[in-house]
């Protein structure tokens, strides 16, 4: 029997952050998720970690950023994920994920999520030269076949400073909403 006075458990969202210029704005997604009654933990690629304000994210989420595997016997720093948002997602991470390459904690979590039935949404942040590479389209198709929800960001021009103003952080939550509804 559950305790009626216990606080309701919120669903837990992993936000996987990759190394690109807008990574430092991930607080926008964290805030939007918390406003929708999610608890949030951040997992960064090793290169993405250097672009984040770890203390600010820990203060905002209550959890440290994860970027490396735990040692045997070490406690889990984050609860298990109910859903995953990969934002921003780089060309490298998208291609590795689609091909089952698990050489970082972030990719390991993403590759495992498929087998665990954890819904995932990805918001690519790539330039048009990268998007033109044949592997990229094949990778997006492969992720779609796995049930991954793909954001609508249009690639920006190479070497033009990106399209940070067009990146819709909250789109990840909109994509995931039908898959897993958070309590109101």
C-alpha atoms as a PDB file:
ATOM      1  CA  UNK A   1       0.000   0.000   0.000  1.00  0.00           C
ATOM      2  CA  UNK A   2       1.442   3.372  -0.931  1.00  0.00           C
ATOM      3  CA  UNK A   3       1.682   6.245   1.474  1.00  0.00           C
ATOM      4  CA  UNK A   4      -0.960   8.872   0.518  1.00  0.00           C
ATOM      5  CA  UNK A   5       1.208  11.538   2.173  1.00  0.00           C
ATOM      6  CA  UNK A   6       4.308  10.653   0.162  1.00  0.00           C
ATOM      7  CA  UNK A   7       5.166  13.086  -2.632  1.00  0.00           C
ATOM      8  CA  UNK A   8       4.208  11.824  -6.077  1.00  0.00           C
ATOM      9  CA  UNK A   9       7.181  10.462  -8.010  1.00  0.00           C
ATOM     10  CA  UNK A  10       7.827  12.559 -11.077  1.00  0.00           C
ATOM     11  CA  UNK A  11       8.992  10.871 -14.272  1.00  0.00           C
ATOM     12  CA  UNK A  12      12.742  11.141 -14.795  1.00  0.00           C
ATOM     13  CA  UNK A  13      14.209  12.592 -17.997  1.00  0.00           C
ATOM     14  CA  UNK A  14      17.805  12.118 -19.058  1.00  0.00           C
ATOM     15  CA  UNK A  15      19.056  15.013 -21.167  1.00  0.00           C
ATOM     16  CA  UNK A  16      22.044  13.880 -23.211  1.00  0.00           C
ATOM     17  CA  UNK A  17      24.168  16.844 -24.258  1.00  0.00           C
ATOM     18  CA  UNK A  18      26.734  16.724 -27.056  1.00  0.00           C
ATOM     19  CA  UNK A  19      29.614  19.079 -27.856  1.00  0.00           C
ATOM     20  CA  UNK A  20      28.369  21.948 -29.969  1.00  0.00           C
ATOM     21  CA  UNK A  21      28.142  25.686 -29.585  1.00  0.00           C
ATOM     22  CA  UNK A  22      24.660  25.800 -28.106  1.00  0.00           C
ATOM     23  CA  UNK A  23      25.257  23.103 -25.459  1.00  0.00           C
ATOM     24  CA  UNK A  24      25.654  25.750 -22.755  1.00  0.00           C
ATOM     25  CA  UNK A  25      21.995  26.703 -23.222  1.00  0.00           C
ATOM     26  CA  UNK A  26      20.735  23.281 -22.039  1.00  0.00           C
ATOM     27  CA  UNK A  27      19.270  24.997 -18.985  1.00  0.00           C
ATOM     28  CA  UNK A  28      16.416  26.064 -21.282  1.00  0.00           C
ATOM     29  CA  UNK A  29      15.429  22.430 -21.799  1.00  0.00           C
ATOM     30  CA  UNK A  30      15.893  21.611 -18.113  1.00  0.00           C
ATOM     31  CA  UNK A  31      13.598  24.494 -17.132  1.00  0.00           C
ATOM     32  CA  UNK A  32      10.973  23.505 -19.707  1.00  0.00           C
ATOM     33  CA  UNK A  33      11.041  19.888 -18.482  1.00  0.00           C
ATOM     34  CA  UNK A  34      10.756  20.921 -14.839  1.00  0.00           C
ATOM     35  CA  UNK A  35       7.859  23.222 -15.740  1.00  0.00           C
ATOM     36  CA  UNK A  36       6.164  20.112 -17.190  1.00  0.00           C
ATOM     37  CA  UNK A  37       6.716  18.222 -13.926  1.00  0.00           C
ATOM     38  CA  UNK A  38       9.754  16.154 -14.869  1.00  0.00           C
ATOM     39  CA  UNK A  39      12.814  15.497 -12.749  1.00  0.00           C
ATOM     40  CA  UNK A  40      15.925  15.866 -14.891  1.00  0.00           C
ATOM     41  CA  UNK A  41      19.456  14.545 -14.955  1.00  0.00           C
ATOM     42  CA  UNK A  42      22.111  15.516 -17.483  1.00  0.00           C
ATOM     43  CA  UNK A  43      24.458  13.092 -19.220  1.00  0.00           C
ATOM     44  CA  UNK A  44      27.164  14.721 -21.337  1.00  0.00           C
ATOM     45  CA  UNK A  45      29.521  13.351 -23.933  1.00  0.00           C
ATOM     46  CA  UNK A  46      33.129  13.804 -22.787  1.00  0.00           C
ATOM     47  CA  UNK A  47      33.595  16.743 -25.178  1.00  0.00           C
ATOM     48  CA  UNK A  48      30.183  18.182 -24.303  1.00  0.00           C
ATOM     49  CA  UNK A  49      31.052  18.224 -20.612  1.00  0.00           C
ATOM     50  CA  UNK A  50      33.600  20.983 -21.190  1.00  0.00           C
ATOM     51  CA  UNK A  51      30.911  23.275 -22.591  1.00  0.00           C
ATOM     52  CA  UNK A  52      28.606  23.041 -19.580  1.00  0.00           C
ATOM     53  CA  UNK A  53      28.463  24.879 -16.279  1.00  0.00           C
ATOM     54  CA  UNK A  54      28.451  21.778 -14.069  1.00  0.00           C
ATOM     55  CA  UNK A  55      27.695  23.672 -10.860  1.00  0.00           C
ATOM     56  CA  UNK A  56      24.765  25.565 -12.382  1.00  0.00           C
ATOM     57  CA  UNK A  57      23.279  22.345 -13.778  1.00  0.00           C
ATOM     58  CA  UNK A  58      23.714  20.550 -10.451  1.00  0.00           C
ATOM     59  CA  UNK A  59      22.012  23.474  -8.694  1.00  0.00           C
ATOM     60  CA  UNK A  60      19.157  23.426 -11.215  1.00  0.00           C
ATOM     61  CA  UNK A  61      18.586  19.649 -11.274  1.00  0.00           C
ATOM     62  CA  UNK A  62      19.875  18.497  -7.894  1.00  0.00           C
ATOM     63  CA  UNK A  63      22.098  15.938  -9.642  1.00  0.00           C
ATOM     64  CA  UNK A  64      25.699  15.983 -10.867  1.00  0.00           C
ATOM     65  CA  UNK A  65      26.312  15.732 -14.595  1.00  0.00           C
ATOM     66  CA  UNK A  66      27.246  12.216 -15.628  1.00  0.00           C
ATOM     67  CA  UNK A  67      29.912  11.752 -18.265  1.00  0.00           C
ATOM     68  CA  UNK A  68      31.855   8.655 -17.244  1.00  0.00           C
ATOM     69  CA  UNK A  69      30.955   5.112 -16.289  1.00  0.00           C
ATOM     70  CA  UNK A  70      30.568   4.241 -12.630  1.00  0.00           C
ATOM     71  CA  UNK A  71      33.123   2.034 -10.958  1.00  0.00           C
ATOM     72  CA  UNK A  72      31.955  -1.397  -9.754  1.00  0.00           C
ATOM     73  CA  UNK A  73      29.936  -1.008  -6.572  1.00  0.00           C
ATOM     74  CA  UNK A  74      29.534   2.761  -6.958  1.00  0.00           C
ATOM     75  CA  UNK A  75      25.981   4.016  -6.341  1.00  0.00           C
ATOM     76  CA  UNK A  76      23.919   5.225  -9.273  1.00  0.00           C
ATOM     77  CA  UNK A  77      24.065   9.026  -9.320  1.00  0.00           C
ATOM     78  CA  UNK A  78      20.794   9.276 -11.285  1.00  0.00           C
ATOM     79  CA  UNK A  79      17.519   7.345 -11.097  1.00  0.00           C
ATOM     80  CA  UNK A  80      16.658   5.204 -14.106  1.00  0.00           C
ATOM     81  CA  UNK A  81      15.284   7.199 -17.029  1.00  0.00           C
ATOM     82  CA  UNK A  82      11.647   7.184 -18.034  1.00  0.00           C
ATOM     83  CA  UNK A  83      12.562   9.034 -21.247  1.00  0.00           C
ATOM     84  CA  UNK A  84      15.629  10.506 -22.924  1.00  0.00           C
ATOM     85  CA  UNK A  85      16.109  13.753 -24.846  1.00  0.00           C
ATOM     86  CA  UNK A  86      19.325  14.124 -26.838  1.00  0.00           C
ATOM     87  CA  UNK A  87      19.781  17.844 -27.295  1.00  0.00           C
ATOM     88  CA  UNK A  88      21.769  19.178 -28.935  1.00  0.00           C
ATOM     89  CA  UNK A  89      22.812  16.085 -30.888  1.00  0.00           C
ATOM     90  CA  UNK A  90      25.912  16.210 -33.044  1.00  0.00           C
ATOM     91  CA  UNK A  91      26.631  14.496 -36.357  1.00  0.00           C
ATOM     92  CA  UNK A  92      29.065  12.227 -34.533  1.00  0.00           C
ATOM     93  CA  UNK A  93      26.660  11.102 -31.812  1.00  0.00           C
ATOM     94  CA  UNK A  94      23.778  10.533 -34.236  1.00  0.00           C
ATOM     95  CA  UNK A  95      25.914   8.355 -36.510  1.00  0.00           C
ATOM     96  CA  UNK A  96      27.490   6.376 -33.663  1.00  0.00           C
ATOM     97  CA  UNK A  97      24.141   5.814 -31.925  1.00  0.00           C
ATOM     98  CA  UNK A  98      22.457   4.587 -35.102  1.00  0.00           C
ATOM     99  CA  UNK A  99      25.331   2.174 -35.671  1.00  0.00           C
ATOM    100  CA  UNK A 100      25.374   0.794 -32.132  1.00  0.00           C
ATOM    101  CA  UNK A 101      28.723   2.278 -31.158  1.00  0.00           C
ATOM    102  CA  UNK A 102      28.898   2.575 -27.387  1.00  0.00           C
ATOM    103  CA  UNK A 103      32.277   4.174 -26.687  1.00  0.00           C
ATOM    104  CA  UNK A 104      31.067   6.791 -24.179  1.00  0.00           C
ATOM    105  CA  UNK A 105      28.630   6.675 -21.294  1.00  0.00           C
ATOM    106  CA  UNK A 106      26.182   8.833 -23.251  1.00  0.00           C
ATOM    107  CA  UNK A 107      26.219   6.452 -26.226  1.00  0.00           C
ATOM    108  CA  UNK A 108      26.043   3.435 -23.937  1.00  0.00           C
ATOM    109  CA  UNK A 109      22.891   4.809 -22.351  1.00  0.00           C
ATOM    110  CA  UNK A 110      21.382   5.589 -25.764  1.00  0.00           C
ATOM    111  CA  UNK A 111      22.188   2.164 -27.193  1.00  0.00           C
ATOM    112  CA  UNK A 112      20.756   0.427 -24.115  1.00  0.00           C
ATOM    113  CA  UNK A 113      17.607   2.560 -24.104  1.00  0.00           C
ATOM    114  CA  UNK A 114      16.348   0.857 -27.256  1.00  0.00           C
ATOM    115  CA  UNK A 115      16.482  -2.587 -25.659  1.00  0.00           C
ATOM    116  CA  UNK A 116      14.915  -1.276 -22.462  1.00  0.00           C
ATOM    117  CA  UNK A 117      11.981   0.356 -24.275  1.00  0.00           C
ATOM    118  CA  UNK A 118      12.839   3.848 -23.038  1.00  0.00           C
ATOM    119  CA  UNK A 119      11.376   6.491 -25.367  1.00  0.00           C
ATOM    120  CA  UNK A 120      13.947   8.842 -26.875  1.00  0.00           C
ATOM    121  CA  UNK A 121      13.822  12.071 -28.830  1.00  0.00           C
ATOM    122  CA  UNK A 122      16.762  13.633 -30.623  1.00  0.00           C
ATOM    123  CA  UNK A 123      17.219  17.256 -31.647  1.00  0.00           C
ATOM    124  CA  UNK A 124      20.022  17.278 -34.218  1.00  0.00           C
ATOM    125  CA  UNK A 125      22.245  20.327 -34.402  1.00  0.00           C
ATOM    126  CA  UNK A 126      24.315  19.892 -37.540  1.00  0.00           C
ATOM    127  CA  UNK A 127      25.415  22.032 -40.430  1.00  0.00           C
ATOM    128  CA  UNK A 128      24.261  21.512 -44.006  1.00  0.00           C
ATOM    129  CA  UNK A 129      27.623  20.076 -45.115  1.00  0.00           C
ATOM    130  CA  UNK A 130      27.399  17.383 -42.438  1.00  0.00           C
ATOM    131  CA  UNK A 131      23.733  16.744 -43.229  1.00  0.00           C
ATOM    132  CA  UNK A 132      24.668  16.200 -46.892  1.00  0.00           C
ATOM    133  CA  UNK A 133      26.878  13.234 -45.976  1.00  0.00           C
ATOM    134  CA  UNK A 134      25.104   9.979 -46.926  1.00  0.00           C
ATOM    135  CA  UNK A 135      25.771   8.423 -43.507  1.00  0.00           C
ATOM    136  CA  UNK A 136      23.706  11.107 -41.777  1.00  0.00           C
ATOM    137  CA  UNK A 137      20.476  10.367 -43.648  1.00  0.00           C
ATOM    138  CA  UNK A 138      20.976   6.631 -43.181  1.00  0.00           C
ATOM    139  CA  UNK A 139      21.545   7.190 -39.473  1.00  0.00           C
ATOM    140  CA  UNK A 140      18.360   9.246 -39.070  1.00  0.00           C
ATOM    141  CA  UNK A 141      16.436   6.536 -40.923  1.00  0.00           C
ATOM    142  CA  UNK A 142      17.945   3.897 -38.641  1.00  0.00           C
ATOM    143  CA  UNK A 143      17.019   5.856 -35.534  1.00  0.00           C
ATOM    144  CA  UNK A 144      13.453   6.293 -36.836  1.00  0.00           C
ATOM    145  CA  UNK A 145      13.256   2.519 -37.380  1.00  0.00           C
ATOM    146  CA  UNK A 146      14.241   2.136 -33.712  1.00  0.00           C
ATOM    147  CA  UNK A 147      11.349   4.406 -32.721  1.00  0.00           C
ATOM    148  CA  UNK A 148      13.504   7.437 -31.930  1.00  0.00           C
ATOM    149  CA  UNK A 149      11.610  10.687 -32.416  1.00  0.00           C
ATOM    150  CA  UNK A 150      13.521  13.196 -34.571  1.00  0.00           C
ATOM    151  CA  UNK A 151      13.292  16.969 -34.142  1.00  0.00           C
ATOM    152  CA  UNK A 152      12.660  19.371 -36.992  1.00  0.00           C
ATOM    153  CA  UNK A 153      15.789  21.588 -36.829  1.00  0.00           C
ATOM    154  CA  UNK A 154      16.976  22.606 -40.293  1.00  0.00           C
ATOM    155  CA  UNK A 155      20.777  22.377 -40.645  1.00  0.00           C
ATOM    156  CA  UNK A 156      22.622  25.684 -40.588  1.00  0.00           C
ATOM    157  CA  UNK A 157      25.295  26.879 -43.014  1.00  0.00           C
ATOM    158  CA  UNK A 158      28.812  25.641 -42.218  1.00  0.00           C
ATOM    159  CA  UNK A 159      31.132  28.124 -40.523  1.00  0.00           C
ATOM    160  CA  UNK A 160      28.276  30.603 -40.146  1.00  0.00           C
ATOM    161  CA  UNK A 161      27.879  30.511 -36.377  1.00  0.00           C
ATOM    162  CA  UNK A 162      24.975  28.080 -36.322  1.00  0.00           C
ATOM    163  CA  UNK A 163      21.297  28.652 -35.899  1.00  0.00           C
ATOM    164  CA  UNK A 164      20.969  28.871 -32.127  1.00  0.00           C
ATOM    165  CA  UNK A 165      18.022  31.251 -32.491  1.00  0.00           C
ATOM    166  CA  UNK A 166      16.093  28.553 -34.407  1.00  0.00           C
ATOM    167  CA  UNK A 167      16.869  25.673 -32.021  1.00  0.00           C
ATOM    168  CA  UNK A 168      13.662  24.732 -30.186  1.00  0.00           C
ATOM    169  CA  UNK A 169      14.800  23.039 -26.975  1.00  0.00           C
ATOM    170  CA  UNK A 170      11.244  22.275 -25.856  1.00  0.00           C
ATOM    171  CA  UNK A 171      10.550  20.307 -29.050  1.00  0.00           C
ATOM    172  CA  UNK A 172      12.115  17.260 -27.381  1.00  0.00           C
ATOM    173  CA  UNK A 173       9.413  17.389 -24.714  1.00  0.00           C
ATOM    174  CA  UNK A 174       6.681  17.899 -27.303  1.00  0.00           C
ATOM    175  CA  UNK A 175       7.898  14.811 -29.174  1.00  0.00           C
ATOM    176  CA  UNK A 176       8.034  12.692 -26.024  1.00  0.00           C
ATOM    177  CA  UNK A 177       4.680  13.829 -24.562  1.00  0.00           C
ATOM    178  CA  UNK A 178       2.543  11.283 -26.455  1.00  0.00           C
ATOM    179  CA  UNK A 179       4.947   8.479 -25.467  1.00  0.00           C
ATOM    180  CA  UNK A 180       5.043   9.192 -21.762  1.00  0.00           C
ATOM    181  CA  UNK A 181       2.731  11.677 -20.118  1.00  0.00           C
ATOM    182  CA  UNK A 182       4.013  13.438 -17.053  1.00  0.00           C
ATOM    183  CA  UNK A 183       1.538  14.068 -14.248  1.00  0.00           C
ATOM    184  CA  UNK A 184      -0.054  17.510 -14.239  1.00  0.00           C
END
